[in-house]
N, C-alpha and C. Protein backbone atom coordinates (compact mmCIF):
# COMPACT_ATOMS: atom_id res chain seq x y z
N MET A 1 -115.06 -149.77 -20.24
CA MET A 1 -114.28 -148.91 -20.94
C MET A 1 -113.01 -149.34 -21.59
N SER A 2 -112.78 -148.77 -22.36
CA SER A 2 -111.20 -149.26 -22.94
C SER A 2 -110.43 -148.45 -22.64
N SER A 3 -109.04 -148.52 -22.41
CA SER A 3 -108.13 -147.53 -22.25
C SER A 3 -107.77 -146.77 -23.01
N GLY A 4 -108.06 -146.58 -24.36
CA GLY A 4 -108.20 -145.40 -25.05
C GLY A 4 -109.06 -144.11 -24.73
N THR A 5 -110.23 -144.51 -23.77
CA THR A 5 -111.27 -143.59 -23.66
C THR A 5 -110.92 -143.07 -22.19
N VAL A 6 -110.10 -143.77 -21.86
CA VAL A 6 -109.57 -142.97 -20.16
C VAL A 6 -109.40 -141.74 -20.26
N LYS A 7 -109.92 -140.93 -19.16
CA LYS A 7 -109.87 -139.70 -18.90
C LYS A 7 -109.37 -139.53 -17.65
N LYS A 8 -108.12 -138.95 -17.62
CA LYS A 8 -107.18 -138.64 -16.24
C LYS A 8 -107.55 -137.49 -15.69
N THR A 9 -107.72 -137.34 -14.32
CA THR A 9 -108.13 -135.84 -13.71
C THR A 9 -106.96 -135.52 -12.71
N TYR A 10 -106.60 -134.31 -12.85
CA TYR A 10 -105.53 -133.68 -12.00
C TYR A 10 -106.25 -132.38 -11.19
N GLU A 11 -106.34 -132.61 -9.93
CA GLU A 11 -106.92 -131.73 -9.17
C GLU A 11 -106.18 -130.50 -8.55
N GLY A 12 -106.50 -129.27 -8.81
CA GLY A 12 -105.53 -128.25 -8.06
C GLY A 12 -106.38 -127.50 -7.24
N ARG A 13 -105.81 -126.39 -6.16
CA ARG A 13 -106.69 -125.77 -5.51
C ARG A 13 -107.76 -125.00 -5.85
N SER A 14 -107.70 -124.40 -7.18
CA SER A 14 -108.85 -123.75 -7.86
C SER A 14 -109.03 -124.11 -9.06
N ILE A 15 -108.58 -125.30 -9.86
CA ILE A 15 -109.03 -125.76 -11.23
C ILE A 15 -108.58 -127.24 -11.07
N THR A 16 -109.66 -127.69 -11.97
CA THR A 16 -109.16 -129.69 -11.96
C THR A 16 -109.06 -129.40 -13.55
N VAL A 17 -108.05 -130.28 -14.08
CA VAL A 17 -107.73 -130.37 -15.52
C VAL A 17 -107.86 -132.02 -15.74
N THR A 18 -108.51 -132.46 -17.00
CA THR A 18 -108.57 -133.49 -17.04
C THR A 18 -107.90 -133.89 -18.68
N PHE A 19 -107.31 -135.05 -18.73
CA PHE A 19 -106.86 -135.21 -19.91
C PHE A 19 -107.23 -136.68 -20.76
N GLU A 20 -107.70 -136.73 -21.87
CA GLU A 20 -107.92 -137.91 -22.31
C GLU A 20 -107.18 -138.24 -23.58
N VAL A 21 -106.17 -139.27 -23.28
CA VAL A 21 -105.36 -139.61 -24.10
C VAL A 21 -105.24 -139.93 -25.57
N ALA A 22 -106.92 -140.50 -25.82
CA ALA A 22 -106.87 -141.09 -27.38
C ALA A 22 -107.36 -139.79 -27.97
N ARG A 23 -107.78 -138.75 -27.58
CA ARG A 23 -108.12 -137.25 -28.08
C ARG A 23 -106.61 -136.59 -28.50
N CYS A 24 -105.52 -136.84 -27.70
CA CYS A 24 -104.63 -136.09 -28.11
C CYS A 24 -103.87 -136.06 -29.54
N ARG A 25 -103.27 -134.53 -30.03
CA ARG A 25 -102.78 -135.05 -31.53
C ARG A 25 -101.39 -134.50 -31.34
N HIS A 26 -100.57 -134.41 -30.08
CA HIS A 26 -99.41 -133.53 -29.85
C HIS A 26 -98.91 -132.54 -30.37
N ALA A 27 -100.08 -131.62 -30.39
CA ALA A 27 -100.00 -130.05 -30.96
C ALA A 27 -98.91 -129.68 -30.20
N ALA A 28 -98.74 -130.12 -28.75
CA ALA A 28 -97.96 -129.04 -27.80
C ALA A 28 -98.44 -127.98 -27.38
N GLU A 29 -99.36 -127.52 -27.27
CA GLU A 29 -99.80 -126.04 -27.39
C GLU A 29 -99.89 -125.91 -25.68
N CYS A 30 -100.16 -126.98 -25.03
CA CYS A 30 -99.95 -127.11 -23.41
C CYS A 30 -98.66 -127.03 -22.91
N VAL A 31 -97.82 -127.68 -23.64
CA VAL A 31 -96.07 -127.87 -23.16
C VAL A 31 -95.58 -126.70 -23.37
N THR A 32 -95.88 -126.03 -24.20
CA THR A 32 -95.01 -124.58 -24.85
C THR A 32 -95.66 -123.20 -24.18
N GLY A 33 -97.34 -123.73 -23.85
CA GLY A 33 -98.05 -122.53 -23.51
C GLY A 33 -97.58 -122.67 -21.97
N LEU A 34 -97.48 -123.24 -21.11
CA LEU A 34 -97.61 -123.65 -19.54
C LEU A 34 -96.60 -124.32 -19.48
N PRO A 35 -95.07 -124.70 -19.59
CA PRO A 35 -94.41 -125.79 -19.18
C PRO A 35 -94.26 -126.04 -17.62
N GLU A 36 -94.54 -124.93 -16.84
CA GLU A 36 -94.70 -125.23 -15.50
C GLU A 36 -95.67 -125.83 -15.01
N VAL A 37 -96.77 -126.15 -15.69
CA VAL A 37 -97.63 -126.94 -15.58
C VAL A 37 -97.81 -128.13 -16.11
N PHE A 38 -97.82 -128.00 -17.58
CA PHE A 38 -97.79 -129.30 -18.33
C PHE A 38 -96.14 -129.65 -18.65
N ASP A 39 -95.56 -131.12 -18.33
CA ASP A 39 -94.68 -131.32 -18.59
C ASP A 39 -94.31 -132.84 -18.75
N PRO A 40 -94.47 -133.51 -19.78
CA PRO A 40 -94.54 -134.91 -19.92
C PRO A 40 -93.64 -135.34 -19.30
N GLY A 41 -92.45 -134.84 -19.09
CA GLY A 41 -91.37 -135.61 -18.54
C GLY A 41 -91.27 -135.93 -16.95
N GLU A 42 -92.43 -135.32 -16.42
CA GLU A 42 -92.55 -135.46 -14.87
C GLU A 42 -94.04 -136.54 -14.86
N ARG A 43 -93.77 -137.23 -13.58
CA ARG A 43 -95.05 -137.61 -13.13
C ARG A 43 -95.65 -137.28 -11.57
N PRO A 44 -97.16 -136.44 -11.78
CA PRO A 44 -97.99 -136.38 -12.68
C PRO A 44 -97.35 -135.27 -13.76
N TRP A 45 -97.87 -135.63 -14.79
CA TRP A 45 -97.41 -134.66 -15.74
C TRP A 45 -97.84 -133.17 -16.01
N VAL A 46 -99.00 -133.19 -15.34
CA VAL A 46 -100.28 -131.95 -15.30
C VAL A 46 -100.22 -131.35 -13.82
N ARG A 47 -99.84 -130.43 -13.66
CA ARG A 47 -99.69 -130.25 -12.19
C ARG A 47 -100.46 -128.69 -12.15
N PRO A 48 -101.57 -128.70 -12.06
CA PRO A 48 -102.49 -127.44 -11.91
C PRO A 48 -102.27 -126.40 -11.27
N ASP A 49 -101.71 -126.54 -10.11
CA ASP A 49 -101.07 -125.75 -8.94
C ASP A 49 -99.81 -125.08 -9.53
N GLY A 50 -99.20 -125.11 -10.68
CA GLY A 50 -98.17 -124.66 -10.83
C GLY A 50 -98.31 -123.20 -11.58
N ALA A 51 -99.57 -122.74 -11.58
CA ALA A 51 -99.80 -121.41 -12.21
C ALA A 51 -101.19 -121.17 -11.75
N GLY A 52 -101.82 -119.93 -11.94
CA GLY A 52 -103.09 -119.40 -11.51
C GLY A 52 -103.99 -120.31 -12.45
N ALA A 53 -105.07 -120.31 -11.74
CA ALA A 53 -106.36 -121.07 -12.52
C ALA A 53 -106.65 -120.37 -13.65
N GLU A 54 -106.68 -119.42 -13.77
CA GLU A 54 -107.12 -118.31 -15.19
C GLU A 54 -106.13 -118.75 -16.04
N ARG A 55 -104.68 -118.79 -15.92
CA ARG A 55 -103.76 -118.76 -16.67
C ARG A 55 -103.99 -120.11 -17.27
N VAL A 56 -104.16 -121.28 -16.63
CA VAL A 56 -104.13 -122.66 -16.60
C VAL A 56 -105.38 -122.84 -17.98
N ALA A 57 -106.52 -122.41 -17.29
CA ALA A 57 -107.74 -122.43 -18.19
C ALA A 57 -107.62 -121.99 -19.70
N GLU A 58 -106.69 -120.79 -19.71
CA GLU A 58 -106.35 -120.06 -20.86
C GLU A 58 -105.67 -121.11 -22.02
N VAL A 59 -104.64 -121.68 -21.09
CA VAL A 59 -104.01 -122.53 -22.15
C VAL A 59 -104.63 -123.87 -22.55
N VAL A 60 -105.31 -124.40 -21.58
CA VAL A 60 -106.24 -125.55 -21.66
C VAL A 60 -106.96 -125.28 -22.86
N ARG A 61 -107.59 -124.22 -23.19
CA ARG A 61 -108.42 -123.80 -24.08
C ARG A 61 -107.71 -123.71 -25.42
N ARG A 62 -106.43 -123.46 -25.53
CA ARG A 62 -105.68 -123.88 -27.02
C ARG A 62 -105.52 -125.11 -27.34
N CYS A 63 -106.05 -126.19 -26.36
CA CYS A 63 -105.65 -127.76 -26.92
C CYS A 63 -106.71 -127.61 -28.29
N PRO A 64 -106.45 -128.08 -29.52
CA PRO A 64 -106.91 -128.14 -30.42
C PRO A 64 -107.71 -129.44 -30.62
N SER A 65 -107.32 -130.28 -30.21
CA SER A 65 -108.01 -131.87 -30.02
C SER A 65 -109.53 -131.79 -28.94
N GLY A 66 -109.03 -131.07 -27.87
CA GLY A 66 -110.12 -130.99 -26.74
C GLY A 66 -109.64 -132.24 -25.70
N ALA A 67 -108.49 -132.82 -26.06
CA ALA A 67 -107.96 -133.88 -25.18
C ALA A 67 -107.78 -133.23 -23.62
N LEU A 68 -107.42 -132.06 -23.52
CA LEU A 68 -107.53 -131.22 -22.36
C LEU A 68 -108.78 -130.59 -21.85
N GLN A 69 -109.25 -130.62 -20.73
CA GLN A 69 -110.46 -129.95 -20.29
C GLN A 69 -110.41 -129.59 -19.16
N TYR A 70 -111.01 -128.29 -18.59
CA TYR A 70 -110.74 -128.09 -17.37
C TYR A 70 -112.39 -127.32 -16.43
N GLU A 71 -112.27 -127.39 -15.04
CA GLU A 71 -113.21 -127.13 -14.49
C GLU A 71 -112.55 -126.00 -13.47
N LEU A 72 -113.26 -124.83 -13.07
CA LEU A 72 -113.13 -124.20 -12.33
C LEU A 72 -113.42 -124.36 -10.89
N LYS A 73 -112.95 -124.41 -9.81
CA LYS A 73 -113.55 -125.07 -8.56
C LYS A 73 -114.79 -123.95 -7.78
N ASP A 74 -114.26 -122.68 -8.43
CA ASP A 74 -115.44 -121.64 -8.10
C ASP A 74 -116.68 -121.48 -8.60
N GLY A 75 -116.99 -122.67 -9.61
CA GLY A 75 -117.74 -122.80 -10.38
C GLY A 75 -117.74 -122.20 -11.63
N GLY A 76 -116.83 -121.96 -12.33
CA GLY A 76 -116.57 -121.21 -13.52
C GLY A 76 -116.94 -121.98 -14.48
N ALA A 77 -117.07 -121.47 -15.86
CA ALA A 77 -117.14 -122.43 -17.04
C ALA A 77 -116.27 -123.35 -17.44
N ALA A 78 -116.57 -124.43 -17.77
CA ALA A 78 -115.74 -125.41 -18.29
C ALA A 78 -115.56 -125.40 -19.62
N ALA A 79 -114.25 -125.66 -19.73
CA ALA A 79 -113.77 -125.89 -21.49
C ALA A 79 -114.89 -126.54 -22.18
N PRO A 80 -115.49 -125.98 -23.16
CA PRO A 80 -116.16 -126.79 -24.12
C PRO A 80 -115.56 -127.91 -24.69
N ASP A 81 -116.46 -128.91 -25.04
CA ASP A 81 -116.32 -130.15 -25.62
C ASP A 81 -116.23 -130.11 -26.72
N ARG A 82 -114.91 -130.05 -27.35
CA ARG A 82 -114.76 -129.89 -28.83
C ARG A 82 -114.57 -131.53 -29.45
N PRO A 83 -115.16 -131.51 -30.72
CA PRO A 83 -114.99 -132.86 -31.56
C PRO A 83 -113.47 -133.01 -31.86
N THR A 84 -113.29 -134.26 -31.63
CA THR A 84 -112.04 -134.91 -32.23
C THR A 84 -112.12 -134.58 -33.68
N PRO A 85 -110.88 -133.83 -34.14
CA PRO A 85 -110.67 -133.66 -35.97
C PRO A 85 -110.66 -134.90 -36.60
């Protein structure tokens, strides 16, 4: 697997968020939508427990490239895998 296809996983108590850097188009929907969870100036830059799982999922669904995905720990639906534009 090349470094461009690496998917990083950020596990929280109620939700797991994944990020695929090669797909990111830097639209900043995540950063502006929920800066307490998505902060590129921090490490790790995704902190899933920074807000409620449903709120995190709502913001992840706004990601236009599909670089961000989520899975709810209670068995809820994951974000659909959107094709790269």
